[in-house]
Amino acid sequence: MAMRCIDPTAPVDWHALHQCYAGYLRFLLPDAAGALRARYPSIWNAGMDQNIYKPTQANLEETPATGANAPALWNPDAVGNWCLLFSPVFGATLSLKNWIAIGDQQQIASAKGWLIASIVVFVLGLFFPPFMLIYLIVWYLAANRPQAKFIQQQWGKAYPRKSWGAPLGIAFGILVSIWMAFFGLALLLGAAHW
């Protein structure tokens, strides 16, 4: 059976293409289409305006006693501790990722503000290090502790944990790069005085 619903000379209409192939599959394999519809209803019934690839979000209406419905998160207490080595930018980034996984839009907006402020403070802290330490304390008390309390109230300790491999590897690589840049700059400035 040839597919006649696509005009090769016309511009691609992705919605029509989706409908054509979905209709072709329904015609060709009605039993398989029913099985796919039952197994993947969000993908099968998704319109072109829906993002089927967005991460799943936690149901904040229910408070499960276990972490059965909890999204995978980085431990916010550990995030705060790692900030002592990697700066508040590291912690603000992972806190934002946690709020995105949780799905609380108000907290996502707040976390974005903390991330921008952390980047600005990091740049200023390169020239005045005590400023970064003061900001770290403020960020920990105002942004990180509330997230830790929220997660504790929602899921306790029974929530899936995200791996620390990628964030720590990236942060360590950035830290070493910054140290190398400062060391190289110091060598260049020192050589210029000779």
N, C-alpha and C. Protein backbone atom coordinates (compact mmCIF):
# COMPACT_ATOMS: atom_id res chain seq x y z
N MET A 1 0.85 -1.18 0.00
CA MET A 1 0.00 0.00 0.00
C MET A 1 0.89 1.24 0.00
N ALA A 2 0.72 2.10 -0.94
CA ALA A 2 1.51 3.33 -1.02
C ALA A 2 0.84 4.41 -0.19
N MET A 3 1.66 5.23 0.44
CA MET A 3 1.14 6.32 1.26
C MET A 3 0.88 7.52 0.35
N ARG A 4 -0.35 7.97 0.28
CA ARG A 4 -0.74 9.03 -0.62
C ARG A 4 -0.99 10.35 0.11
N CYS A 5 -0.77 10.40 1.41
CA CYS A 5 -1.13 11.62 2.15
C CYS A 5 0.01 12.64 2.19
N ILE A 6 1.15 12.35 1.60
CA ILE A 6 2.28 13.27 1.61
C ILE A 6 2.55 13.75 0.19
N ASP A 7 2.60 15.05 0.00
CA ASP A 7 2.93 15.64 -1.29
C ASP A 7 4.41 16.00 -1.26
N PRO A 8 5.24 15.29 -2.04
CA PRO A 8 6.69 15.54 -1.98
C PRO A 8 7.10 16.91 -2.49
N THR A 9 6.23 17.60 -3.19
CA THR A 9 6.59 18.92 -3.70
C THR A 9 6.21 20.04 -2.75
N ALA A 10 5.40 19.75 -1.74
CA ALA A 10 4.94 20.78 -0.80
C ALA A 10 5.90 20.88 0.38
N PRO A 11 5.92 22.04 1.06
CA PRO A 11 6.73 22.16 2.28
C PRO A 11 6.24 21.16 3.34
N VAL A 12 7.12 20.77 4.22
CA VAL A 12 6.79 19.76 5.22
C VAL A 12 5.86 20.35 6.27
N ASP A 13 4.72 19.72 6.44
CA ASP A 13 3.79 20.05 7.51
C ASP A 13 3.90 18.93 8.53
N TRP A 14 4.61 19.18 9.62
CA TRP A 14 4.93 18.12 10.57
C TRP A 14 3.69 17.53 11.22
N HIS A 15 2.71 18.36 11.47
CA HIS A 15 1.47 17.86 12.08
C HIS A 15 0.77 16.90 11.12
N ALA A 16 0.69 17.28 9.85
CA ALA A 16 0.06 16.41 8.86
C ALA A 16 0.86 15.12 8.69
N LEU A 17 2.17 15.22 8.71
CA LEU A 17 3.02 14.05 8.59
C LEU A 17 2.78 13.09 9.76
N HIS A 18 2.68 13.65 10.96
CA HIS A 18 2.41 12.85 12.16
C HIS A 18 1.06 12.14 12.02
N GLN A 19 0.04 12.90 11.61
CA GLN A 19 -1.30 12.33 11.45
C GLN A 19 -1.31 11.25 10.37
N CYS A 20 -0.58 11.48 9.30
CA CYS A 20 -0.53 10.52 8.19
C CYS A 20 0.08 9.21 8.65
N TYR A 21 1.24 9.27 9.29
CA TYR A 21 1.89 8.04 9.73
C TYR A 21 1.09 7.36 10.83
N ALA A 22 0.47 8.14 11.73
CA ALA A 22 -0.35 7.54 12.78
C ALA A 22 -1.55 6.83 12.14
N GLY A 23 -2.17 7.46 11.14
CA GLY A 23 -3.29 6.83 10.44
C GLY A 23 -2.85 5.60 9.68
N TYR A 24 -1.69 5.65 9.05
CA TYR A 24 -1.17 4.51 8.31
C TYR A 24 -0.92 3.34 9.26
N LEU A 25 -0.35 3.63 10.43
CA LEU A 25 -0.09 2.59 11.41
C LEU A 25 -1.40 2.00 11.93
N ARG A 26 -2.38 2.85 12.17
CA ARG A 26 -3.68 2.37 12.65
C ARG A 26 -4.34 1.46 11.60
N PHE A 27 -4.18 1.80 10.30
CA PHE A 27 -4.77 1.00 9.24
C PHE A 27 -4.03 -0.32 9.07
N LEU A 28 -2.71 -0.25 9.08
CA LEU A 28 -1.89 -1.41 8.79
C LEU A 28 -1.88 -2.40 9.95
N LEU A 29 -1.76 -1.90 11.16
CA LEU A 29 -1.64 -2.77 12.34
C LEU A 29 -2.63 -2.34 13.41
N PRO A 30 -3.92 -2.62 13.24
CA PRO A 30 -4.89 -2.11 14.22
C PRO A 30 -4.66 -2.66 15.62
N ASP A 31 -4.27 -3.92 15.74
CA ASP A 31 -4.03 -4.48 17.07
C ASP A 31 -2.78 -3.87 17.70
N ALA A 32 -1.74 -3.69 16.90
CA ALA A 32 -0.51 -3.08 17.42
C ALA A 32 -0.76 -1.64 17.81
N ALA A 33 -1.57 -0.94 17.03
CA ALA A 33 -1.88 0.45 17.35
C ALA A 33 -2.62 0.54 18.67
N GLY A 34 -3.55 -0.35 18.91
CA GLY A 34 -4.26 -0.36 20.18
C GLY A 34 -3.34 -0.64 21.34
N ALA A 35 -2.40 -1.57 21.13
CA ALA A 35 -1.44 -1.88 22.19
C ALA A 35 -0.53 -0.68 22.47
N LEU A 36 -0.10 -0.01 21.42
CA LEU A 36 0.75 1.17 21.60
C LEU A 36 -0.02 2.29 22.29
N ARG A 37 -1.29 2.48 21.89
CA ARG A 37 -2.11 3.52 22.50
C ARG A 37 -2.28 3.25 23.99
N ALA A 38 -2.48 1.99 24.36
CA ALA A 38 -2.66 1.64 25.78
C ALA A 38 -1.35 1.78 26.55
N ARG A 39 -0.24 1.43 25.91
CA ARG A 39 1.06 1.46 26.60
C ARG A 39 1.62 2.88 26.71
N TYR A 40 1.45 3.70 25.67
CA TYR A 40 2.03 5.05 25.63
C TYR A 40 0.95 6.08 25.30
N PRO A 41 0.00 6.30 26.18
CA PRO A 41 -1.09 7.23 25.83
C PRO A 41 -0.61 8.66 25.67
N SER A 42 0.39 9.10 26.43
CA SER A 42 0.83 10.49 26.31
C SER A 42 1.52 10.75 24.98
N ILE A 43 2.21 9.77 24.46
CA ILE A 43 2.89 9.94 23.17
C ILE A 43 1.89 9.77 22.03
N TRP A 44 1.02 8.76 22.13
CA TRP A 44 0.08 8.46 21.06
C TRP A 44 -0.89 9.61 20.84
N ASN A 45 -1.36 10.21 21.94
CA ASN A 45 -2.36 11.27 21.84
C ASN A 45 -1.75 12.66 21.86
N ALA A 46 -0.43 12.75 21.83
CA ALA A 46 0.22 14.06 21.93
C ALA A 46 0.01 14.85 20.65
N GLY A 47 -0.39 16.09 20.81
CA GLY A 47 -0.47 16.99 19.67
C GLY A 47 0.89 17.60 19.42
N MET A 48 1.00 18.36 18.38
CA MET A 48 2.29 18.96 18.04
C MET A 48 2.66 20.09 19.01
N ASP A 49 1.70 20.56 19.81
CA ASP A 49 1.98 21.63 20.74
C ASP A 49 2.42 21.11 22.11
N GLN A 50 2.43 19.79 22.30
CA GLN A 50 2.83 19.22 23.57
C GLN A 50 4.29 18.78 23.51
N ASN A 51 5.01 18.96 24.60
CA ASN A 51 6.39 18.53 24.68
C ASN A 51 6.44 17.18 25.38
N ILE A 52 6.57 16.12 24.60
CA ILE A 52 6.57 14.78 25.19
C ILE A 52 7.92 14.43 25.81
N TYR A 53 8.92 15.29 25.65
CA TYR A 53 10.25 15.02 26.17
C TYR A 53 10.55 15.74 27.47
N LYS A 54 9.62 16.58 27.96
CA LYS A 54 9.89 17.31 29.20
C LYS A 54 9.98 16.32 30.36
N PRO A 55 10.78 16.63 31.36
CA PRO A 55 10.94 15.71 32.48
C PRO A 55 9.63 15.56 33.26
N THR A 56 9.47 14.41 33.85
CA THR A 56 8.28 14.19 34.66
C THR A 56 8.34 15.08 35.89
N GLN A 57 7.18 15.46 36.38
CA GLN A 57 7.12 16.34 37.55
C GLN A 57 6.37 15.63 38.65
N ALA A 58 6.78 15.93 39.87
CA ALA A 58 6.17 15.30 41.03
C ALA A 58 4.76 15.81 41.24
N ASN A 59 3.91 14.96 41.81
CA ASN A 59 2.56 15.36 42.18
C ASN A 59 2.63 15.99 43.56
N LEU A 60 2.49 17.32 43.62
CA LEU A 60 2.63 18.04 44.88
C LEU A 60 1.34 18.04 45.68
N GLU A 61 0.24 17.57 45.09
CA GLU A 61 -1.03 17.54 45.80
C GLU A 61 -1.06 16.43 46.84
N GLU A 62 -0.40 15.33 46.54
CA GLU A 62 -0.36 14.21 47.46
C GLU A 62 0.97 14.22 48.19
N THR A 63 0.96 13.79 49.43
CA THR A 63 2.20 13.66 50.19
C THR A 63 2.39 12.19 50.52
N PRO A 64 3.08 11.46 49.66
CA PRO A 64 3.24 10.04 49.92
C PRO A 64 4.13 9.79 51.13
N ALA A 65 3.85 8.73 51.85
CA ALA A 65 4.66 8.39 53.01
C ALA A 65 6.01 7.86 52.58
N THR A 66 6.07 7.30 51.39
CA THR A 66 7.34 6.80 50.87
C THR A 66 7.73 7.65 49.68
N GLY A 67 8.89 7.40 49.14
CA GLY A 67 9.35 8.16 47.99
C GLY A 67 8.90 7.56 46.68
N ALA A 68 7.78 6.83 46.68
CA ALA A 68 7.32 6.14 45.48
C ALA A 68 7.09 7.11 44.32
N ASN A 69 6.51 8.27 44.58
CA ASN A 69 6.21 9.23 43.51
C ASN A 69 7.21 10.37 43.47
N ALA A 70 8.26 10.29 44.21
CA ALA A 70 9.24 11.37 44.27
C ALA A 70 10.13 11.36 43.02
N PRO A 71 10.49 12.54 42.52
CA PRO A 71 11.44 12.59 41.40
C PRO A 71 12.85 12.35 41.93
N ALA A 72 13.75 11.99 41.04
CA ALA A 72 15.15 11.83 41.42
C ALA A 72 15.74 13.22 41.68
N LEU A 73 16.38 13.39 42.82
CA LEU A 73 16.91 14.69 43.24
C LEU A 73 18.33 14.54 43.78
N TRP A 74 19.07 15.66 43.76
CA TRP A 74 20.32 15.72 44.49
C TRP A 74 19.99 16.11 45.92
N ASN A 75 20.67 15.50 46.86
CA ASN A 75 20.45 15.79 48.28
C ASN A 75 20.80 17.26 48.54
N PRO A 76 19.84 18.09 48.97
CA PRO A 76 20.12 19.52 49.14
C PRO A 76 21.13 19.81 50.25
N ASP A 77 21.20 18.95 51.26
CA ASP A 77 22.21 19.15 52.30
C ASP A 77 23.61 18.95 51.74
N ALA A 78 23.76 17.94 50.90
CA ALA A 78 25.06 17.71 50.26
C ALA A 78 25.39 18.83 49.27
N VAL A 79 24.36 19.34 48.59
CA VAL A 79 24.57 20.47 47.67
C VAL A 79 25.17 21.64 48.43
N GLY A 80 24.59 21.96 49.60
CA GLY A 80 25.12 23.06 50.41
C GLY A 80 26.54 22.81 50.85
N ASN A 81 26.86 21.57 51.20
CA ASN A 81 28.23 21.26 51.63
C ASN A 81 29.22 21.38 50.47
N TRP A 82 28.85 20.91 49.29
CA TRP A 82 29.76 21.00 48.15
C TRP A 82 30.02 22.45 47.74
N CYS A 83 29.11 23.36 48.10
CA CYS A 83 29.30 24.77 47.77
C CYS A 83 30.53 25.36 48.46
N LEU A 84 30.91 24.78 49.58
CA LEU A 84 32.11 25.28 50.26
C LEU A 84 33.34 25.13 49.38
N LEU A 85 33.36 24.10 48.55
CA LEU A 85 34.49 23.89 47.65
C LEU A 85 34.27 24.52 46.28
N PHE A 86 33.05 24.43 45.76
CA PHE A 86 32.80 24.81 44.36
C PHE A 86 32.08 26.13 44.15
N SER A 87 31.71 26.85 45.17
CA SER A 87 31.05 28.16 45.10
C SER A 87 29.53 28.03 45.09
N PRO A 88 28.85 29.11 45.42
CA PRO A 88 27.38 29.09 45.41
C PRO A 88 26.78 28.87 44.01
N VAL A 89 27.53 29.11 42.96
CA VAL A 89 27.00 28.88 41.61
C VAL A 89 26.68 27.39 41.44
N PHE A 90 27.55 26.54 41.95
CA PHE A 90 27.33 25.09 41.90
C PHE A 90 26.03 24.73 42.61
N GLY A 91 25.87 25.23 43.83
CA GLY A 91 24.68 24.90 44.61
C GLY A 91 23.41 25.47 44.01
N ALA A 92 23.48 26.71 43.51
CA ALA A 92 22.29 27.33 42.92
C ALA A 92 21.85 26.58 41.67
N THR A 93 22.82 26.09 40.90
CA THR A 93 22.49 25.32 39.69
C THR A 93 21.78 24.02 40.04
N LEU A 94 22.32 23.28 41.01
CA LEU A 94 21.69 22.01 41.38
C LEU A 94 20.36 22.22 42.09
N SER A 95 20.25 23.29 42.87
CA SER A 95 18.95 23.61 43.49
C SER A 95 17.90 23.90 42.43
N LEU A 96 18.29 24.65 41.40
CA LEU A 96 17.38 24.93 40.30
C LEU A 96 16.95 23.64 39.62
N LYS A 97 17.90 22.75 39.36
CA LYS A 97 17.58 21.46 38.73
C LYS A 97 16.62 20.65 39.61
N ASN A 98 16.83 20.69 40.93
CA ASN A 98 15.91 20.00 41.84
C ASN A 98 14.50 20.57 41.75
N TRP A 99 14.38 21.90 41.75
CA TRP A 99 13.05 22.51 41.68
C TRP A 99 12.38 22.20 40.35
N ILE A 100 13.16 22.14 39.27
CA ILE A 100 12.58 21.78 37.97
C ILE A 100 12.04 20.35 38.03
N ALA A 101 12.79 19.44 38.65
CA ALA A 101 12.31 18.06 38.77
C ALA A 101 11.06 17.98 39.65
N ILE A 102 11.00 18.81 40.68
CA ILE A 102 9.83 18.83 41.56
C ILE A 102 8.65 19.45 40.85
N GLY A 103 8.89 20.49 40.06
CA GLY A 103 7.84 21.10 39.25
C GLY A 103 7.14 22.29 39.89
N ASP A 104 7.71 22.87 40.92
CA ASP A 104 7.09 24.03 41.58
C ASP A 104 7.53 25.30 40.85
N GLN A 105 6.63 25.88 40.06
CA GLN A 105 6.97 27.01 39.18
C GLN A 105 7.45 28.24 39.95
N GLN A 106 6.84 28.51 41.10
CA GLN A 106 7.25 29.67 41.91
C GLN A 106 8.68 29.49 42.41
N GLN A 107 9.00 28.30 42.86
CA GLN A 107 10.36 28.04 43.35
C GLN A 107 11.37 27.99 42.20
N ILE A 108 10.95 27.56 41.03
CA ILE A 108 11.84 27.57 39.86
C ILE A 108 12.24 29.00 39.54
N ALA A 109 11.29 29.92 39.55
CA ALA A 109 11.59 31.34 39.27
C ALA A 109 12.52 31.90 40.32
N SER A 110 12.28 31.57 41.58
CA SER A 110 13.15 32.03 42.66
C SER A 110 14.56 31.47 42.51
N ALA A 111 14.66 30.18 42.16
CA ALA A 111 15.97 29.54 42.01
C ALA A 111 16.76 30.15 40.84
N LYS A 112 16.05 30.55 39.78
CA LYS A 112 16.74 31.22 38.66
C LYS A 112 17.34 32.54 39.13
N GLY A 113 16.60 33.28 39.96
CA GLY A 113 17.14 34.53 40.51
C GLY A 113 18.36 34.28 41.37
N TRP A 114 18.32 33.23 42.20
CA TRP A 114 19.49 32.89 43.03
C TRP A 114 20.69 32.49 42.16
N LEU A 115 20.44 31.80 41.06
CA LEU A 115 21.55 31.41 40.18
C LEU A 115 22.20 32.64 39.54
N ILE A 116 21.40 33.58 39.07
CA ILE A 116 21.95 34.80 38.47
C ILE A 116 22.74 35.58 39.52
N ALA A 117 22.16 35.71 40.71
CA ALA A 117 22.86 36.42 41.79
C ALA A 117 24.16 35.71 42.15
N SER A 118 24.15 34.38 42.15
CA SER A 118 25.35 33.62 42.48
C SER A 118 26.46 33.84 41.48
N ILE A 119 26.10 33.94 40.21
CA ILE A 119 27.12 34.20 39.18
C ILE A 119 27.72 35.59 39.38
N VAL A 120 26.88 36.58 39.64
CA VAL A 120 27.38 37.95 39.86
C VAL A 120 28.28 37.98 41.09
N VAL A 121 27.84 37.34 42.18
CA VAL A 121 28.64 37.33 43.41
C VAL A 121 29.94 36.57 43.20
N PHE A 122 29.92 35.52 42.39
CA PHE A 122 31.14 34.77 42.13
C PHE A 122 32.18 35.66 41.45
N VAL A 123 31.74 36.42 40.46
CA VAL A 123 32.67 37.33 39.76
C VAL A 123 33.20 38.39 40.73
N LEU A 124 32.31 38.98 41.54
CA LEU A 124 32.75 39.97 42.52
C LEU A 124 33.63 39.33 43.59
N GLY A 125 33.32 38.08 43.94
CA GLY A 125 34.09 37.37 44.96
C GLY A 125 35.51 37.05 44.54
N LEU A 126 35.77 37.04 43.24
CA LEU A 126 37.14 36.82 42.78
C LEU A 126 38.05 37.96 43.22
N PHE A 127 37.48 39.15 43.39
CA PHE A 127 38.26 40.32 43.79
C PHE A 127 38.11 40.63 45.28
N PHE A 128 37.03 40.15 45.89
CA PHE A 128 36.79 40.37 47.32
C PHE A 128 36.21 39.09 47.92
N PRO A 129 37.08 38.10 48.24
CA PRO A 129 36.63 36.78 48.69
C PRO A 129 35.68 36.77 49.90
N PRO A 130 35.84 37.66 50.89
CA PRO A 130 34.88 37.59 52.01
C PRO A 130 33.43 37.82 51.58
N PHE A 131 33.23 38.57 50.51
CA PHE A 131 31.89 38.81 50.00
C PHE A 131 31.23 37.50 49.57
N MET A 132 32.01 36.60 48.95
CA MET A 132 31.46 35.33 48.52
C MET A 132 31.10 34.45 49.72
N LEU A 133 31.87 34.49 50.77
CA LEU A 133 31.57 33.71 51.96
C LEU A 133 30.29 34.20 52.62
N ILE A 134 30.11 35.52 52.70
CA ILE A 134 28.88 36.09 53.28
C ILE A 134 27.68 35.67 52.42
N TYR A 135 27.83 35.77 51.10
CA TYR A 135 26.74 35.38 50.21
C TYR A 135 26.42 33.89 50.35
N LEU A 136 27.44 33.06 50.50
CA LEU A 136 27.23 31.62 50.65
C LEU A 136 26.35 31.33 51.87
N ILE A 137 26.61 32.01 52.96
CA ILE A 137 25.81 31.82 54.17
C ILE A 137 24.36 32.27 53.92
N VAL A 138 24.20 33.43 53.29
CA VAL A 138 22.85 33.93 52.99
C VAL A 138 22.12 32.97 52.06
N TRP A 139 22.78 32.51 50.99
CA TRP A 139 22.15 31.58 50.06
C TRP A 139 21.76 30.28 50.75
N TYR A 140 22.65 29.77 51.59
CA TYR A 140 22.37 28.51 52.28
C TYR A 140 21.13 28.63 53.16
N LEU A 141 21.03 29.72 53.91
CA LEU A 141 19.90 29.89 54.82
C LEU A 141 18.60 30.26 54.10
N ALA A 142 18.70 31.06 53.03
CA ALA A 142 17.50 31.56 52.36
C ALA A 142 17.00 30.66 51.23
N ALA A 143 17.86 29.92 50.59
CA ALA A 143 17.44 29.12 49.43
C ALA A 143 17.64 27.62 49.63
N ASN A 144 18.77 27.22 50.19
CA ASN A 144 19.06 25.79 50.28
C ASN A 144 18.30 25.11 51.42
N ARG A 145 18.27 25.72 52.58
CA ARG A 145 17.56 25.11 53.72
C ARG A 145 16.07 24.94 53.45
N PRO A 146 15.38 25.93 52.85
CA PRO A 146 13.96 25.70 52.55
C PRO A 146 13.73 24.52 51.61
N GLN A 147 14.62 24.32 50.64
CA GLN A 147 14.47 23.18 49.75
C GLN A 147 14.67 21.87 50.52
N ALA A 148 15.66 21.84 51.40
CA ALA A 148 15.89 20.63 52.19
C ALA A 148 14.69 20.32 53.08
N LYS A 149 14.10 21.36 53.68
CA LYS A 149 12.92 21.15 54.53
C LYS A 149 11.73 20.68 53.70
N PHE A 150 11.55 21.26 52.51
CA PHE A 150 10.44 20.86 51.64
C PHE A 150 10.56 19.38 51.27
N ILE A 151 11.75 18.98 50.85
CA ILE A 151 11.97 17.59 50.44
C ILE A 151 11.75 16.66 51.64
N GLN A 152 12.23 17.06 52.81
CA GLN A 152 12.05 16.25 54.01
C GLN A 152 10.56 16.10 54.34
N GLN A 153 9.78 17.16 54.21
CA GLN A 153 8.35 17.09 54.50
C GLN A 153 7.59 16.27 53.46
N GLN A 154 7.98 16.40 52.20
CA GLN A 154 7.27 15.68 51.13
C GLN A 154 7.58 14.19 51.11
N TRP A 155 8.90 13.86 51.16
CA TRP A 155 9.28 12.47 50.93
C TRP A 155 10.20 11.90 52.00
N GLY A 156 10.60 12.69 52.98
CA GLY A 156 11.53 12.19 53.98
C GLY A 156 12.88 11.88 53.34
N LYS A 157 13.45 10.78 53.71
CA LYS A 157 14.73 10.36 53.12
C LYS A 157 14.51 9.34 52.00
N ALA A 158 13.26 8.97 51.75
CA ALA A 158 12.94 7.91 50.80
C ALA A 158 12.62 8.47 49.42
N TYR A 159 13.56 9.18 48.82
CA TYR A 159 13.37 9.66 47.46
C TYR A 159 14.56 9.20 46.63
N PRO A 160 14.38 9.00 45.34
CA PRO A 160 15.51 8.56 44.51
C PRO A 160 16.57 9.66 44.40
N ARG A 161 17.81 9.25 44.45
CA ARG A 161 18.92 10.21 44.40
C ARG A 161 19.52 10.23 43.00
N LYS A 162 19.89 11.43 42.58
CA LYS A 162 20.62 11.58 41.31
C LYS A 162 22.10 11.34 41.58
N SER A 163 22.79 10.90 40.55
CA SER A 163 24.22 10.62 40.66
C SER A 163 25.01 11.93 40.76
N TRP A 164 26.07 11.89 41.54
CA TRP A 164 26.93 13.05 41.71
C TRP A 164 28.08 13.08 40.69
N GLY A 165 28.23 12.04 39.89
CA GLY A 165 29.36 11.95 38.97
C GLY A 165 29.50 13.13 38.03
N ALA A 166 28.45 13.43 37.28
CA ALA A 166 28.53 14.50 36.29
C ALA A 166 28.68 15.88 36.93
N PRO A 167 27.86 16.25 37.93
CA PRO A 167 28.02 17.60 38.48
C PRO A 167 29.38 17.82 39.15
N LEU A 168 29.86 16.81 39.87
CA LEU A 168 31.15 16.98 40.53
C LEU A 168 32.29 16.98 39.52
N GLY A 169 32.18 16.17 38.49
CA GLY A 169 33.22 16.16 37.44
C GLY A 169 33.29 17.49 36.71
N ILE A 170 32.13 18.03 36.35
CA ILE A 170 32.09 19.32 35.66
C ILE A 170 32.62 20.43 36.58
N ALA A 171 32.15 20.43 37.83
CA ALA A 171 32.59 21.48 38.77
C ALA A 171 34.09 21.40 39.03
N PHE A 172 34.61 20.18 39.18
CA PHE A 172 36.05 20.04 39.40
C PHE A 172 36.83 20.51 38.19
N GLY A 173 36.36 20.18 36.99
CA GLY A 173 37.03 20.64 35.76
C GLY A 173 37.04 22.16 35.65
N ILE A 174 35.92 22.80 36.00
CA ILE A 174 35.85 24.27 35.96
C ILE A 174 36.78 24.87 37.01
N LEU A 175 36.81 24.27 38.21
CA LEU A 175 37.67 24.77 39.27
C LEU A 175 39.15 24.68 38.87
N VAL A 176 39.56 23.57 38.31
CA VAL A 176 40.94 23.41 37.86
C VAL A 176 41.25 24.40 36.74
N SER A 177 40.31 24.61 35.83
CA SER A 177 40.52 25.57 34.73
C SER A 177 40.72 26.99 35.27
N ILE A 178 39.92 27.36 36.27
CA ILE A 178 40.07 28.71 36.85
C ILE A 178 41.41 28.84 37.54
N TRP A 179 41.80 27.81 38.29
CA TRP A 179 43.12 27.85 38.95
C TRP A 179 44.24 27.96 37.92
N MET A 180 44.13 27.20 36.82
CA MET A 180 45.17 27.26 35.79
C MET A 180 45.20 28.64 35.13
N ALA A 181 44.03 29.23 34.91
CA ALA A 181 43.99 30.57 34.30
C ALA A 181 44.65 31.60 35.22
N PHE A 182 44.36 31.55 36.51
CA PHE A 182 44.98 32.48 37.44
C PHE A 182 46.48 32.23 37.55
N PHE A 183 46.87 30.97 37.56
CA PHE A 183 48.30 30.64 37.64
C PHE A 183 49.02 31.13 36.38
N GLY A 184 48.40 30.89 35.22
CA GLY A 184 49.01 31.36 33.96
C GLY A 184 49.08 32.87 33.90
N LEU A 185 48.04 33.55 34.38
CA LEU A 185 48.04 35.01 34.41
C LEU A 185 49.13 35.53 35.34
N ALA A 186 49.29 34.86 36.49
CA ALA A 186 50.34 35.26 37.43
C ALA A 186 51.72 35.07 36.81
N LEU A 187 51.92 33.99 36.08
CA LEU A 187 53.21 33.76 35.41
C LEU A 187 53.47 34.83 34.35
N LEU A 188 52.44 35.16 33.58
CA LEU A 188 52.61 36.18 32.54
C LEU A 188 52.91 37.55 33.14
N LEU A 189 52.20 37.90 34.19
CA LEU A 189 52.44 39.20 34.83
C LEU A 189 53.79 39.22 35.52
N GLY A 190 54.17 38.08 36.09
CA GLY A 190 55.49 38.00 36.75
C GLY A 190 56.61 38.08 35.73
N ALA A 191 56.44 37.45 34.56
CA ALA A 191 57.46 37.49 33.53
C ALA A 191 57.57 38.88 32.92
N ALA A 192 56.48 39.63 32.92
CA ALA A 192 56.51 40.97 32.35
C ALA A 192 57.34 41.93 33.23
N HIS A 193 57.47 41.65 34.51
CA HIS A 193 58.23 42.51 35.40
C HIS A 193 59.72 42.22 35.36
N TRP A 194 60.12 41.15 34.76
CA TRP A 194 61.55 40.84 34.66
C TRP A 194 62.11 41.60 33.56
